[in-house]
Amino acid sequence: MDSLLEQVGGTQIVNRTVSEFYQTIGRHLSAFETSDHRKQESRQAQFLSLALSSQPESVRTSRAGFLAQGLNPTLFEALLEYFEARLVELGFTSQLSSHLTETAGKLYDSCEQDLSIAC
């Protein structure tokens, strides 16, 4: 059976969707506010790809914890909402879209949030 990541077209679709999200919100932010968004964009794309991959649980959990340390919780939540809606727009079922974002959200919630550093 294909991993969730393979079901949506791989890292390419994840990277493109995260990039679209940041292009969209970037239009509403000042240059100062967007200074760290490249790092957020990269980490969020990596986190989503990892969360949806078929990596063994121990590898996924430890790597996710590392990536989550630099994520802004508010931006990540907004990205998941955007990702879910965007997948439906691209023709994926709402059931699959919801399952993907729920999977990524649960993994994020299981990571320690105390070390979140960027906005």
C-alpha atoms as a PDB file:
ATOM      1  CA  MET A   1       0.000   0.000   0.000  1.00  0.00           C
ATOM      2  CA  ASP A   2       1.250   3.488  -0.847  1.00  0.00           C
ATOM      3  CA  SER A   3       2.157   5.868   1.953  1.00  0.00           C
ATOM      4  CA  LEU A   4      -0.035   8.928   2.442  1.00  0.00           C
ATOM      5  CA  LEU A   5       2.744  10.970   0.878  1.00  0.00           C
ATOM      6  CA  GLU A   6       2.721   8.816  -2.262  1.00  0.00           C
ATOM      7  CA  GLN A   7      -1.083   9.009  -2.434  1.00  0.00           C
ATOM      8  CA  VAL A   8      -0.918  12.794  -2.894  1.00  0.00           C
ATOM      9  CA  GLY A   9       1.945  12.796  -5.372  1.00  0.00           C
ATOM     10  CA  GLY A  10       5.021  12.886  -3.152  1.00  0.00           C
ATOM     11  CA  THR A  11       7.149  15.649  -1.757  1.00  0.00           C
ATOM     12  CA  GLN A  12       6.668  17.702  -4.904  1.00  0.00           C
ATOM     13  CA  ILE A  13       2.989  18.394  -4.124  1.00  0.00           C
ATOM     14  CA  VAL A  14       3.778  19.064  -0.460  1.00  0.00           C
ATOM     15  CA  ASN A  15       6.570  21.506  -1.315  1.00  0.00           C
ATOM     16  CA  ARG A  16       4.424  23.272  -3.908  1.00  0.00           C
ATOM     17  CA  THR A  17       1.446  23.593  -1.546  1.00  0.00           C
ATOM     18  CA  VAL A  18       3.577  24.936   1.307  1.00  0.00           C
ATOM     19  CA  SER A  19       5.181  27.407  -1.100  1.00  0.00           C
ATOM     20  CA  GLU A  20       1.729  28.549  -2.291  1.00  0.00           C
ATOM     21  CA  PHE A  21       0.668  29.052   1.327  1.00  0.00           C
ATOM     22  CA  TYR A  22       3.660  31.304   2.052  1.00  0.00           C
ATOM     23  CA  GLN A  23       3.194  33.259  -1.175  1.00  0.00           C
ATOM     24  CA  THR A  24      -0.406  33.870  -0.165  1.00  0.00           C
ATOM     25  CA  ILE A  25       0.293  35.049   3.371  1.00  0.00           C
ATOM     26  CA  GLY A  26       3.448  36.902   2.318  1.00  0.00           C
ATOM     27  CA  ARG A  27       1.358  39.441   0.464  1.00  0.00           C
ATOM     28  CA  HIS A  28      -0.168  40.515   3.767  1.00  0.00           C
ATOM     29  CA  LEU A  29       3.014  40.825   5.823  1.00  0.00           C
ATOM     30  CA  SER A  30       5.768  43.411   6.102  1.00  0.00           C
ATOM     31  CA  ALA A  31       9.368  42.605   5.114  1.00  0.00           C
ATOM     32  CA  PHE A  32      10.236  42.324   8.810  1.00  0.00           C
ATOM     33  CA  GLU A  33       7.466  39.787   9.413  1.00  0.00           C
ATOM     34  CA  THR A  34       8.512  37.635   6.459  1.00  0.00           C
ATOM     35  CA  SER A  35      12.223  37.521   7.320  1.00  0.00           C
ATOM     36  CA  ASP A  36      12.020  34.063   8.884  1.00  0.00           C
ATOM     37  CA  HIS A  37       9.361  32.589   6.638  1.00  0.00           C
ATOM     38  CA  ARG A  38      11.848  30.832   4.355  1.00  0.00           C
ATOM     39  CA  LYS A  39      12.983  28.749   7.318  1.00  0.00           C
ATOM     40  CA  GLN A  40       9.368  28.108   8.337  1.00  0.00           C
ATOM     41  CA  GLU A  41       8.462  27.141   4.780  1.00  0.00           C
ATOM     42  CA  SER A  42      11.319  24.656   4.564  1.00  0.00           C
ATOM     43  CA  ARG A  43      10.683  23.116   7.978  1.00  0.00           C
ATOM     44  CA  GLN A  44       6.947  22.825   7.434  1.00  0.00           C
ATOM     45  CA  ALA A  45       7.407  21.135   4.066  1.00  0.00           C
ATOM     46  CA  GLN A  46       9.898  18.724   5.617  1.00  0.00           C
ATOM     47  CA  PHE A  47       7.604  18.047   8.558  1.00  0.00           C
ATOM     48  CA  LEU A  48       4.553  17.370   6.372  1.00  0.00           C
ATOM     49  CA  SER A  49       6.538  15.102   4.059  1.00  0.00           C
ATOM     50  CA  LEU A  50       7.862  13.181   7.040  1.00  0.00           C
ATOM     51  CA  ALA A  51       4.453  12.945   8.712  1.00  0.00           C
ATOM     52  CA  LEU A  52       2.912  11.472   5.567  1.00  0.00           C
ATOM     53  CA  SER A  53       5.809   9.168   4.723  1.00  0.00           C
ATOM     54  CA  SER A  54       6.149   5.467   5.391  1.00  0.00           C
ATOM     55  CA  GLN A  55       9.167   5.924   7.659  1.00  0.00           C
ATOM     56  CA  PRO A  56       9.336   3.561  10.637  1.00  0.00           C
ATOM     57  CA  GLU A  57       7.588   5.055  13.678  1.00  0.00           C
ATOM     58  CA  SER A  58      10.792   5.556  15.692  1.00  0.00           C
ATOM     59  CA  VAL A  59      12.511   7.428  12.847  1.00  0.00           C
ATOM     60  CA  ARG A  60       9.432   9.531  12.094  1.00  0.00           C
ATOM     61  CA  THR A  61       8.881  10.479  15.731  1.00  0.00           C
ATOM     62  CA  SER A  62      12.488  11.483  16.468  1.00  0.00           C
ATOM     63  CA  ARG A  63      12.887  13.476  13.236  1.00  0.00           C
ATOM     64  CA  ALA A  64       9.486  15.112  13.718  1.00  0.00           C
ATOM     65  CA  GLY A  65      10.480  16.252  17.194  1.00  0.00           C
ATOM     66  CA  PHE A  66      13.540  17.946  15.762  1.00  0.00           C
ATOM     67  CA  LEU A  67      11.621  19.671  12.959  1.00  0.00           C
ATOM     68  CA  ALA A  68       8.781  20.752  15.260  1.00  0.00           C
ATOM     69  CA  GLN A  69      11.199  22.687  17.472  1.00  0.00           C
ATOM     70  CA  GLY A  70      11.428  25.448  14.888  1.00  0.00           C
ATOM     71  CA  LEU A  71       7.789  25.613  13.866  1.00  0.00           C
ATOM     72  CA  ASN A  72       5.377  28.335  14.825  1.00  0.00           C
ATOM     73  CA  PRO A  73       2.201  26.593  16.094  1.00  0.00           C
ATOM     74  CA  THR A  74      -0.163  29.220  14.675  1.00  0.00           C
ATOM     75  CA  LEU A  75       1.412  29.117  11.227  1.00  0.00           C
ATOM     76  CA  PHE A  76       1.449  25.332  11.250  1.00  0.00           C
ATOM     77  CA  GLU A  77      -2.243  25.172  12.107  1.00  0.00           C
ATOM     78  CA  ALA A  78      -3.020  27.670   9.332  1.00  0.00           C
ATOM     79  CA  LEU A  79      -0.921  25.637   6.901  1.00  0.00           C
ATOM     80  CA  LEU A  80      -2.826  22.458   7.742  1.00  0.00           C
ATOM     81  CA  GLU A  81      -6.135  24.215   7.045  1.00  0.00           C
ATOM     82  CA  TYR A  82      -4.773  25.515   3.753  1.00  0.00           C
ATOM     83  CA  PHE A  83      -3.302  22.107   2.841  1.00  0.00           C
ATOM     84  CA  GLU A  84      -6.588  20.317   3.507  1.00  0.00           C
ATOM     85  CA  ALA A  85      -8.604  22.730   1.358  1.00  0.00           C
ATOM     86  CA  ARG A  86      -5.982  22.805  -1.389  1.00  0.00           C
ATOM     87  CA  LEU A  87      -5.947  19.013  -1.702  1.00  0.00           C
ATOM     88  CA  VAL A  88      -9.722  19.031  -2.207  1.00  0.00           C
ATOM     89  CA  GLU A  89      -9.310  21.740  -4.874  1.00  0.00           C
ATOM     90  CA  LEU A  90      -6.762  19.488  -6.597  1.00  0.00           C
ATOM     91  CA  GLY A  91      -9.321  16.688  -6.794  1.00  0.00           C
ATOM     92  CA  PHE A  92      -8.495  14.553  -3.778  1.00  0.00           C
ATOM     93  CA  THR A  93     -11.406  13.338  -1.682  1.00  0.00           C
ATOM     94  CA  SER A  94     -12.265  15.299   1.430  1.00  0.00           C
ATOM     95  CA  GLN A  95     -11.882  12.063   3.394  1.00  0.00           C
ATOM     96  CA  LEU A  96      -8.269  11.623   2.232  1.00  0.00           C
ATOM     97  CA  SER A  97      -7.531  15.307   2.704  1.00  0.00           C
ATOM     98  CA  SER A  98      -8.874  15.249   6.262  1.00  0.00           C
ATOM     99  CA  HIS A  99      -6.962  12.055   7.041  1.00  0.00           C
ATOM    100  CA  LEU A 100      -3.694  13.581   5.827  1.00  0.00           C
ATOM    101  CA  THR A 101      -4.034  16.753   7.868  1.00  0.00           C
ATOM    102  CA  GLU A 102      -5.204  14.815  10.920  1.00  0.00           C
ATOM    103  CA  THR A 103      -2.157  12.542  10.662  1.00  0.00           C
ATOM    104  CA  ALA A 104       0.226  15.495  10.393  1.00  0.00           C
ATOM    105  CA  GLY A 105      -1.562  17.361  13.193  1.00  0.00           C
ATOM    106  CA  LYS A 106      -1.399  14.404  15.568  1.00  0.00           C
ATOM    107  CA  LEU A 107       2.311  13.960  14.955  1.00  0.00           C
ATOM    108  CA  TYR A 108       2.890  17.674  15.535  1.00  0.00           C
ATOM    109  CA  ASP A 109       0.835  17.601  18.735  1.00  0.00           C
ATOM    110  CA  SER A 110       2.923  14.692  20.031  1.00  0.00           C
ATOM    111  CA  CYS A 111       6.130  16.732  19.695  1.00  0.00           C
ATOM    112  CA  GLU A 112       7.391  19.006  22.455  1.00  0.00           C
ATOM    113  CA  GLN A 113       6.254  22.554  21.790  1.00  0.00           C
ATOM    114  CA  ASP A 114       8.377  24.257  24.444  1.00  0.00           C
ATOM    115  CA  LEU A 115      11.231  24.924  22.054  1.00  0.00           C
ATOM    116  CA  SER A 116       9.280  26.662  19.280  1.00  0.00           C
ATOM    117  CA  ILE A 117      11.492  29.532  18.174  1.00  0.00           C
ATOM    118  CA  ALA A 118      10.253  31.109  14.974  1.00  0.00           C
ATOM    119  CA  CYS A 119       7.193  32.950  13.776  1.00  0.00           C
END
